[in-house]
Amino acid sequence: MTVTRLSSREFNQDTGRAKNAARSGPVFITDRGRPAHVLLTFADYERLTGGQESIVDLLSLSPDEADVEFDIIASRDLARPADLT
């Protein structure tokens, strides 16, 4: 795996180079010399995340698509003021 570093300026001027480099490994994009972003191929991203759906993906489902059970347990505790001493 090859790691490539590009400045933001280099990335903006030659995104094709960055995309080609991402096929060989991650591309670190720097702002003022410090890593700010990482470019990966989608296959590498899926491998990294395990292909699992995130909570954002699950919340974006329409009600017809969502099959999520959610039980709410009623609390019998009464609210009381916070002790700030």
PDB file of N, CA and C in Angstrom:
ATOM      1  N   MET A   1       0.853  -1.172   0.000  1.00  0.00           N
ATOM      2  CA  MET A   1       0.000   0.000   0.000  1.00  0.00           C
ATOM      3  C   MET A   1       0.900   1.238   0.000  1.00  0.00           C
ATOM      4  N   THR A   2       0.610   2.147  -0.880  1.00  0.00           N
ATOM      5  CA  THR A   2       1.352   3.388  -1.005  1.00  0.00           C
ATOM      6  C   THR A   2       0.547   4.522  -0.391  1.00  0.00           C
ATOM      7  N   VAL A   3       1.183   5.322   0.428  1.00  0.00           N
ATOM      8  CA  VAL A   3       0.538   6.505   1.012  1.00  0.00           C
ATOM      9  C   VAL A   3       1.041   7.727   0.252  1.00  0.00           C
ATOM     10  N   THR A   4       0.099   8.562  -0.190  1.00  0.00           N
ATOM     11  CA  THR A   4       0.445   9.763  -0.946  1.00  0.00           C
ATOM     12  C   THR A   4       0.034  10.988  -0.147  1.00  0.00           C
ATOM     13  N   ARG A   5       0.860  12.018  -0.168  1.00  0.00           N
ATOM     14  CA  ARG A   5       0.537  13.298   0.472  1.00  0.00           C
ATOM     15  C   ARG A   5       0.457  14.373  -0.602  1.00  0.00           C
ATOM     16  N   LEU A   6      -0.637  15.119  -0.585  1.00  0.00           N
ATOM     17  CA  LEU A   6      -0.803  16.238  -1.509  1.00  0.00           C
ATOM     18  C   LEU A   6      -1.248  17.459  -0.718  1.00  0.00           C
ATOM     19  N   SER A   7      -0.753  18.601  -1.098  1.00  0.00           N
ATOM     20  CA  SER A   7      -1.259  19.834  -0.496  1.00  0.00           C
ATOM     21  C   SER A   7      -2.647  20.100  -1.077  1.00  0.00           C
ATOM     22  N   SER A   8      -3.403  20.943  -0.413  1.00  0.00           N
ATOM     23  CA  SER A   8      -4.725  21.315  -0.931  1.00  0.00           C
ATOM     24  C   SER A   8      -4.602  21.914  -2.321  1.00  0.00           C
ATOM     25  N   ARG A   9      -3.581  22.699  -2.521  1.00  0.00           N
ATOM     26  CA  ARG A   9      -3.366  23.328  -3.831  1.00  0.00           C
ATOM     27  C   ARG A   9      -3.117  22.260  -4.900  1.00  0.00           C
ATOM     28  N   GLU A  10      -2.231  21.283  -4.603  1.00  0.00           N
ATOM     29  CA  GLU A  10      -1.964  20.212  -5.560  1.00  0.00           C
ATOM     30  C   GLU A  10      -3.228  19.414  -5.861  1.00  0.00           C
ATOM     31  N   PHE A  11      -4.004  19.141  -4.820  1.00  0.00           N
ATOM     32  CA  PHE A  11      -5.248  18.397  -5.002  1.00  0.00           C
ATOM     33  C   PHE A  11      -6.211  19.159  -5.914  1.00  0.00           C
ATOM     34  N   ASN A  12      -6.371  20.449  -5.659  1.00  0.00           N
ATOM     35  CA  ASN A  12      -7.280  21.262  -6.475  1.00  0.00           C
ATOM     36  C   ASN A  12      -6.824  21.358  -7.925  1.00  0.00           C
ATOM     37  N   GLN A  13      -5.525  21.378  -8.142  1.00  0.00           N
ATOM     38  CA  GLN A  13      -5.001  21.525  -9.498  1.00  0.00           C
ATOM     39  C   GLN A  13      -5.003  20.215 -10.278  1.00  0.00           C
ATOM     40  N   ASP A  14      -4.975  19.073  -9.580  1.00  0.00           N
ATOM     41  CA  ASP A  14      -4.884  17.793 -10.281  1.00  0.00           C
ATOM     42  C   ASP A  14      -5.632  16.697  -9.523  1.00  0.00           C
ATOM     43  N   THR A  15      -6.960  16.782  -9.526  1.00  0.00           N
ATOM     44  CA  THR A  15      -7.754  15.777  -8.819  1.00  0.00           C
ATOM     45  C   THR A  15      -7.604  14.395  -9.461  1.00  0.00           C
ATOM     46  N   GLY A  16      -7.362  14.352 -10.759  1.00  0.00           N
ATOM     47  CA  GLY A  16      -7.155  13.066 -11.430  1.00  0.00           C
ATOM     48  C   GLY A  16      -5.968  12.323 -10.853  1.00  0.00           C
ATOM     49  N   ARG A  17      -4.896  13.054 -10.571  1.00  0.00           N
ATOM     50  CA  ARG A  17      -3.705  12.443  -9.967  1.00  0.00           C
ATOM     51  C   ARG A  17      -4.053  11.863  -8.596  1.00  0.00           C
ATOM     52  N   ALA A  18      -4.852  12.597  -7.822  1.00  0.00           N
ATOM     53  CA  ALA A  18      -5.241  12.132  -6.493  1.00  0.00           C
ATOM     54  C   ALA A  18      -6.099  10.871  -6.595  1.00  0.00           C
ATOM     55  N   LYS A  19      -7.038  10.851  -7.527  1.00  0.00           N
ATOM     56  CA  LYS A  19      -7.891   9.669  -7.698  1.00  0.00           C
ATOM     57  C   LYS A  19      -7.080   8.456  -8.135  1.00  0.00           C
ATOM     58  N   ASN A  20      -6.138   8.655  -9.034  1.00  0.00           N
ATOM     59  CA  ASN A  20      -5.273   7.547  -9.451  1.00  0.00           C
ATOM     60  C   ASN A  20      -4.416   7.049  -8.291  1.00  0.00           C
ATOM     61  N   ALA A  21      -3.887   7.963  -7.498  1.00  0.00           N
ATOM     62  CA  ALA A  21      -3.057   7.585  -6.347  1.00  0.00           C
ATOM     63  C   ALA A  21      -3.872   6.816  -5.311  1.00  0.00           C
ATOM     64  N   ALA A  22      -5.170   7.137  -5.173  1.00  0.00           N
ATOM     65  CA  ALA A  22      -6.024   6.466  -4.194  1.00  0.00           C
ATOM     66  C   ALA A  22      -6.208   4.987  -4.528  1.00  0.00           C
ATOM     67  N   ARG A  23      -5.998   4.616  -5.776  1.00  0.00           N
ATOM     68  CA  ARG A  23      -6.109   3.194  -6.141  1.00  0.00           C
ATOM     69  C   ARG A  23      -4.995   2.373  -5.500  1.00  0.00           C
ATOM     70  N   SER A  24      -3.885   3.032  -5.140  1.00  0.00           N
ATOM     71  CA  SER A  24      -2.745   2.340  -4.533  1.00  0.00           C
ATOM     72  C   SER A  24      -2.709   2.468  -3.023  1.00  0.00           C
ATOM     73  N   GLY A  25      -3.520   3.351  -2.463  1.00  0.00           N
ATOM     74  CA  GLY A  25      -3.528   3.554  -1.023  1.00  0.00           C
ATOM     75  C   GLY A  25      -4.119   4.907  -0.690  1.00  0.00           C
ATOM     76  N   PRO A  26      -4.181   5.234   0.591  1.00  0.00           N
ATOM     77  CA  PRO A  26      -4.800   6.505   0.999  1.00  0.00           C
ATOM     78  C   PRO A  26      -4.008   7.715   0.516  1.00  0.00           C
ATOM     79  N   VAL A  27      -4.742   8.794   0.255  1.00  0.00           N
ATOM     80  CA  VAL A  27      -4.133  10.062  -0.147  1.00  0.00           C
ATOM     81  C   VAL A  27      -4.441  11.074   0.957  1.00  0.00           C
ATOM     82  N   PHE A  28      -3.395  11.539   1.615  1.00  0.00           N
ATOM     83  CA  PHE A  28      -3.557  12.554   2.652  1.00  0.00           C
ATOM     84  C   PHE A  28      -3.489  13.925   1.999  1.00  0.00           C
ATOM     85  N   ILE A  29      -4.510  14.734   2.224  1.00  0.00           N
ATOM     86  CA  ILE A  29      -4.562  16.089   1.677  1.00  0.00           C
ATOM     87  C   ILE A  29      -4.296  17.035   2.832  1.00  0.00           C
ATOM     88  N   THR A  30      -3.292  17.869   2.667  1.00  0.00           N
ATOM     89  CA  THR A  30      -2.859  18.725   3.769  1.00  0.00           C
ATOM     90  C   THR A  30      -3.295  20.172   3.571  1.00  0.00           C
ATOM     91  N   ASP A  31      -3.528  20.840   4.680  1.00  0.00           N
ATOM     92  CA  ASP A  31      -3.733  22.286   4.732  1.00  0.00           C
ATOM     93  C   ASP A  31      -2.609  22.850   5.581  1.00  0.00           C
ATOM     94  N   ARG A  32      -1.818  23.697   4.969  1.00  0.00           N
ATOM     95  CA  ARG A  32      -0.663  24.306   5.652  1.00  0.00           C
ATOM     96  C   ARG A  32       0.245  23.253   6.289  1.00  0.00           C
ATOM     97  N   GLY A  33       0.438  22.153   5.566  1.00  0.00           N
ATOM     98  CA  GLY A  33       1.361  21.121   6.016  1.00  0.00           C
ATOM     99  C   GLY A  33       0.793  20.105   6.987  1.00  0.00           C
ATOM    100  N   ARG A  34      -0.438  20.295   7.423  1.00  0.00           N
ATOM    101  CA  ARG A  34      -1.042  19.369   8.386  1.00  0.00           C
ATOM    102  C   ARG A  34      -2.136  18.559   7.702  1.00  0.00           C
ATOM    103  N   PRO A  35      -2.207  17.249   7.945  1.00  0.00           N
ATOM    104  CA  PRO A  35      -3.250  16.427   7.329  1.00  0.00           C
ATOM    105  C   PRO A  35      -4.636  16.953   7.682  1.00  0.00           C
ATOM    106  N   ALA A  36      -5.482  17.119   6.664  1.00  0.00           N
ATOM    107  CA  ALA A  36      -6.826  17.642   6.876  1.00  0.00           C
ATOM    108  C   ALA A  36      -7.905  16.697   6.345  1.00  0.00           C
ATOM    109  N   HIS A  37      -7.586  15.947   5.282  1.00  0.00           N
ATOM    110  CA  HIS A  37      -8.548  15.047   4.655  1.00  0.00           C
ATOM    111  C   HIS A  37      -7.824  13.801   4.174  1.00  0.00           C
ATOM    112  N   VAL A  38      -8.599  12.738   3.983  1.00  0.00           N
ATOM    113  CA  VAL A  38      -8.060  11.506   3.421  1.00  0.00           C
ATOM    114  C   VAL A  38      -8.964  11.081   2.276  1.00  0.00           C
ATOM    115  N   LEU A  39      -8.376  10.775   1.137  1.00  0.00           N
ATOM    116  CA  LEU A  39      -9.117  10.290  -0.022  1.00  0.00           C
ATOM    117  C   LEU A  39      -8.878   8.790  -0.141  1.00  0.00           C
ATOM    118  N   LEU A  40      -9.982   8.026  -0.219  1.00  0.00           N
ATOM    119  CA  LEU A  40      -9.929   6.578  -0.378  1.00  0.00           C
ATOM    120  C   LEU A  40     -10.820   6.176  -1.534  1.00  0.00           C
ATOM    121  N   THR A  41     -10.549   5.008  -2.105  1.00  0.00           N
ATOM    122  CA  THR A  41     -11.511   4.458  -3.054  1.00  0.00           C
ATOM    123  C   THR A  41     -12.720   4.003  -2.244  1.00  0.00           C
ATOM    124  N   PHE A  42     -13.856   3.872  -2.906  1.00  0.00           N
ATOM    125  CA  PHE A  42     -15.055   3.445  -2.196  1.00  0.00           C
ATOM    126  C   PHE A  42     -14.886   2.025  -1.659  1.00  0.00           C
ATOM    127  N   ALA A  43     -14.199   1.169  -2.408  1.00  0.00           N
ATOM    128  CA  ALA A  43     -13.952  -0.206  -1.942  1.00  0.00           C
ATOM    129  C   ALA A  43     -13.133  -0.196  -0.651  1.00  0.00           C
ATOM    130  N   ASP A  44     -12.108   0.656  -0.574  1.00  0.00           N
ATOM    131  CA  ASP A  44     -11.311   0.763   0.655  1.00  0.00           C
ATOM    132  C   ASP A  44     -12.150   1.293   1.803  1.00  0.00           C
ATOM    133  N   TYR A  45     -13.015   2.266   1.511  1.00  0.00           N
ATOM    134  CA  TYR A  45     -13.896   2.816   2.541  1.00  0.00           C
ATOM    135  C   TYR A  45     -14.820   1.734   3.088  1.00  0.00           C
ATOM    136  N   GLU A  46     -15.443   0.955   2.190  1.00  0.00           N
ATOM    137  CA  GLU A  46     -16.333  -0.114   2.647  1.00  0.00           C
ATOM    138  C   GLU A  46     -15.581  -1.144   3.473  1.00  0.00           C
ATOM    139  N   ARG A  47     -14.379  -1.489   3.053  1.00  0.00           N
ATOM    140  CA  ARG A  47     -13.577  -2.448   3.811  1.00  0.00           C
ATOM    141  C   ARG A  47     -13.249  -1.882   5.191  1.00  0.00           C
ATOM    142  N   LEU A  48     -12.940  -0.600   5.253  1.00  0.00           N
ATOM    143  CA  LEU A  48     -12.602   0.049   6.516  1.00  0.00           C
ATOM    144  C   LEU A  48     -13.792   0.096   7.472  1.00  0.00           C
ATOM    145  N   THR A  49     -14.971   0.391   6.943  1.00  0.00           N
ATOM    146  CA  THR A  49     -16.163   0.515   7.789  1.00  0.00           C
ATOM    147  C   THR A  49     -16.889  -0.806   7.980  1.00  0.00           C
ATOM    148  N   GLY A  50     -16.460  -1.834   7.283  1.00  0.00           N
ATOM    149  CA  GLY A  50     -17.121  -3.124   7.405  1.00  0.00           C
ATOM    150  C   GLY A  50     -18.427  -3.173   6.641  1.00  0.00           C
ATOM    151  N   GLY A  51     -18.706  -2.181   5.812  1.00  0.00           N
ATOM    152  CA  GLY A  51     -19.929  -2.171   5.030  1.00  0.00           C
ATOM    153  C   GLY A  51     -21.193  -2.003   5.857  1.00  0.00           C
ATOM    154  N   GLN A  52     -21.042  -1.599   7.113  1.00  0.00           N
ATOM    155  CA  GLN A  52     -22.203  -1.447   7.992  1.00  0.00           C
ATOM    156  C   GLN A  52     -22.899  -0.133   7.734  1.00  0.00           C
ATOM    157  N   GLU A  53     -24.207  -0.153   7.932  1.00  0.00           N
ATOM    158  CA  GLU A  53     -24.964   1.082   7.800  1.00  0.00           C
ATOM    159  C   GLU A  53     -24.753   1.934   9.044  1.00  0.00           C
ATOM    160  N   SER A  54     -24.669   3.219   8.841  1.00  0.00           N
ATOM    161  CA  SER A  54     -24.508   4.129   9.973  1.00  0.00           C
ATOM    162  C   SER A  54     -25.883   4.559  10.463  1.00  0.00           C
ATOM    163  N   ILE A  55     -25.947   5.173  11.605  1.00  0.00           N
ATOM    164  CA  ILE A  55     -27.205   5.682  12.141  1.00  0.00           C
ATOM    165  C   ILE A  55     -27.804   6.718  11.196  1.00  0.00           C
ATOM    166  N   VAL A  56     -26.967   7.470  10.507  1.00  0.00           N
ATOM    167  CA  VAL A  56     -27.453   8.455   9.540  1.00  0.00           C
ATOM    168  C   VAL A  56     -28.181   7.749   8.405  1.00  0.00           C
ATOM    169  N   ASP A  57     -27.607   6.644   7.912  1.00  0.00           N
ATOM    170  CA  ASP A  57     -28.265   5.878   6.854  1.00  0.00           C
ATOM    171  C   ASP A  57     -29.602   5.332   7.334  1.00  0.00           C
ATOM    172  N   LEU A  58     -29.629   4.807   8.543  1.00  0.00           N
ATOM    173  CA  LEU A  58     -30.864   4.237   9.070  1.00  0.00           C
ATOM    174  C   LEU A  58     -31.940   5.295   9.273  1.00  0.00           C
ATOM    175  N   LEU A  59     -31.553   6.495   9.721  1.00  0.00           N
ATOM    176  CA  LEU A  59     -32.530   7.551   9.946  1.00  0.00           C
ATOM    177  C   LEU A  59     -33.066   8.125   8.642  1.00  0.00           C
ATOM    178  N   SER A  60     -32.332   7.956   7.555  1.00  0.00           N
ATOM    179  CA  SER A  60     -32.775   8.512   6.286  1.00  0.00           C
ATOM    180  C   SER A  60     -33.769   7.604   5.565  1.00  0.00           C
ATOM    181  N   LEU A  61     -34.027   6.420   6.095  1.00  0.00           N
ATOM    182  CA  LEU A  61     -34.974   5.515   5.463  1.00  0.00           C
ATOM    183  C   LEU A  61     -36.389   6.060   5.573  1.00  0.00           C
ATOM    184  N   SER A  62     -37.181   5.812   4.550  1.00  0.00           N
ATOM    185  CA  SER A  62     -38.588   6.214   4.619  1.00  0.00           C
ATOM    186  C   SER A  62     -39.307   5.264   5.577  1.00  0.00           C
ATOM    187  N   PRO A  63     -40.444   5.665   6.135  1.00  0.00           N
ATOM    188  CA  PRO A  63     -41.162   4.800   7.075  1.00  0.00           C
ATOM    189  C   PRO A  63     -41.516   3.442   6.481  1.00  0.00           C
ATOM    190  N   ASP A  64     -41.731   3.370   5.178  1.00  0.00           N
ATOM    191  CA  ASP A  64     -42.054   2.093   4.546  1.00  0.00           C
ATOM    192  C   ASP A  64     -40.853   1.155   4.517  1.00  0.00           C
ATOM    193  N   GLU A  65     -39.643   1.718   4.448  1.00  0.00           N
ATOM    194  CA  GLU A  65     -38.428   0.904   4.374  1.00  0.00           C
ATOM    195  C   GLU A  65     -37.912   0.523   5.759  1.00  0.00           C
ATOM    196  N   ALA A  66     -38.190   1.342   6.732  1.00  0.00           N
ATOM    197  CA  ALA A  66     -37.620   1.132   8.060  1.00  0.00           C
ATOM    198  C   ALA A  66     -38.350   0.012   8.785  1.00  0.00           C
ATOM    199  N   ASP A  67     -37.585  -0.890   9.340  1.00  0.00           N
ATOM    200  CA  ASP A  67     -38.138  -1.970  10.150  1.00  0.00           C
ATOM    201  C   ASP A  67     -37.309  -2.031  11.424  1.00  0.00           C
ATOM    202  N   VAL A  68     -37.449  -0.996  12.223  1.00  0.00           N
ATOM    203  CA  VAL A  68     -36.669  -0.878  13.440  1.00  0.00           C
ATOM    204  C   VAL A  68     -37.615  -0.843  14.618  1.00  0.00           C
ATOM    205  N   GLU A  69     -37.410  -1.757  15.560  1.00  0.00           N
ATOM    206  CA  GLU A  69     -38.232  -1.757  16.765  1.00  0.00           C
ATOM    207  C   GLU A  69     -37.561  -0.876  17.805  1.00  0.00           C
ATOM    208  N   PHE A  70     -38.377  -0.121  18.483  1.00  0.00           N
ATOM    209  CA  PHE A  70     -37.852   0.810  19.472  1.00  0.00           C
ATOM    210  C   PHE A  70     -38.797   0.809  20.661  1.00  0.00           C
ATOM    211  N   ASP A  71     -38.360   0.255  21.781  1.00  0.00           N
ATOM    212  CA  ASP A  71     -39.179   0.195  22.987  1.00  0.00           C
ATOM    213  C   ASP A  71     -38.802   1.342  23.913  1.00  0.00           C
ATOM    214  N   ILE A  72     -39.809   2.041  24.376  1.00  0.00           N
ATOM    215  CA  ILE A  72     -39.586   3.130  25.318  1.00  0.00           C
ATOM    216  C   ILE A  72     -40.066   2.661  26.681  1.00  0.00           C
ATOM    217  N   ILE A  73     -39.184   2.754  27.641  1.00  0.00           N
ATOM    218  CA  ILE A  73     -39.532   2.352  29.002  1.00  0.00           C
ATOM    219  C   ILE A  73     -39.900   3.612  29.771  1.00  0.00           C
ATOM    220  N   ALA A  74     -41.120   3.613  30.300  1.00  0.00           N
ATOM    221  CA  ALA A  74     -41.585   4.779  31.042  1.00  0.00           C
ATOM    222  C   ALA A  74     -40.811   4.884  32.350  1.00  0.00           C
ATOM    223  N   SER A  75     -40.350   6.079  32.639  1.00  0.00           N
ATOM    224  CA  SER A  75     -39.620   6.328  33.878  1.00  0.00           C
ATOM    225  C   SER A  75     -40.593   6.756  34.956  1.00  0.00           C
ATOM    226  N   ARG A  76     -40.433   6.178  36.121  1.00  0.00           N
ATOM    227  CA  ARG A  76     -41.303   6.537  37.242  1.00  0.00           C
ATOM    228  C   ARG A  76     -40.622   7.563  38.153  1.00  0.00           C
ATOM    229  N   ASP A  77     -39.379   7.909  37.834  1.00  0.00           N
ATOM    230  CA  ASP A  77     -38.660   8.900  38.629  1.00  0.00           C
ATOM    231  C   ASP A  77     -39.206  10.289  38.330  1.00  0.00           C
ATOM    232  N   LEU A  78     -39.376  11.053  39.376  1.00  0.00           N
ATOM    233  CA  LEU A  78     -39.821  12.428  39.220  1.00  0.00           C
ATOM    234  C   LEU A  78     -38.605  13.321  39.030  1.00  0.00           C
ATOM    235  N   ALA A  79     -38.778  14.355  38.274  1.00  0.00           N
ATOM    236  CA  ALA A  79     -37.687  15.304  38.072  1.00  0.00           C
ATOM    237  C   ALA A  79     -37.406  16.021  39.383  1.00  0.00           C
ATOM    238  N   ARG A  80     -36.153  16.245  39.658  1.00  0.00           N
ATOM    239  CA  ARG A  80     -35.786  16.995  40.855  1.00  0.00           C
ATOM    240  C   ARG A  80     -34.686  17.972  40.491  1.00  0.00           C
ATOM    241  N   PRO A  81     -34.598  19.051  41.224  1.00  0.00           N
ATOM    242  CA  PRO A  81     -33.591  20.070  40.886  1.00  0.00           C
ATOM    243  C   PRO A  81     -32.176  19.531  41.073  1.00  0.00           C
ATOM    244  N   ALA A  82     -31.274  20.052  40.294  1.00  0.00           N
ATOM    245  CA  ALA A  82     -29.871  19.656  40.376  1.00  0.00           C
ATOM    246  C   ALA A  82     -29.236  20.237  41.624  1.00  0.00           C
ATOM    247  N   ASP A  83     -28.381  19.463  42.260  1.00  0.00           N
ATOM    248  CA  ASP A  83     -27.641  19.918  43.433  1.00  0.00           C
ATOM    249  C   ASP A  83     -26.322  20.502  42.944  1.00  0.00           C
ATOM    250  N   LEU A  84     -26.192  21.832  42.950  1.00  0.00           N
ATOM    251  CA  LEU A  84     -25.007  22.502  42.442  1.00  0.00           C
ATOM    252  C   LEU A  84     -24.036  22.951  43.534  1.00  0.00           C
ATOM    253  N   THR A  85     -24.168  22.340  44.706  1.00  0.00           N
ATOM    254  CA  THR A  85     -23.263  22.733  45.807  1.00  0.00           C
ATOM    255  C   THR A  85     -21.946  22.039  45.726  1.00  0.00           C
TER     256      THR A  85
END
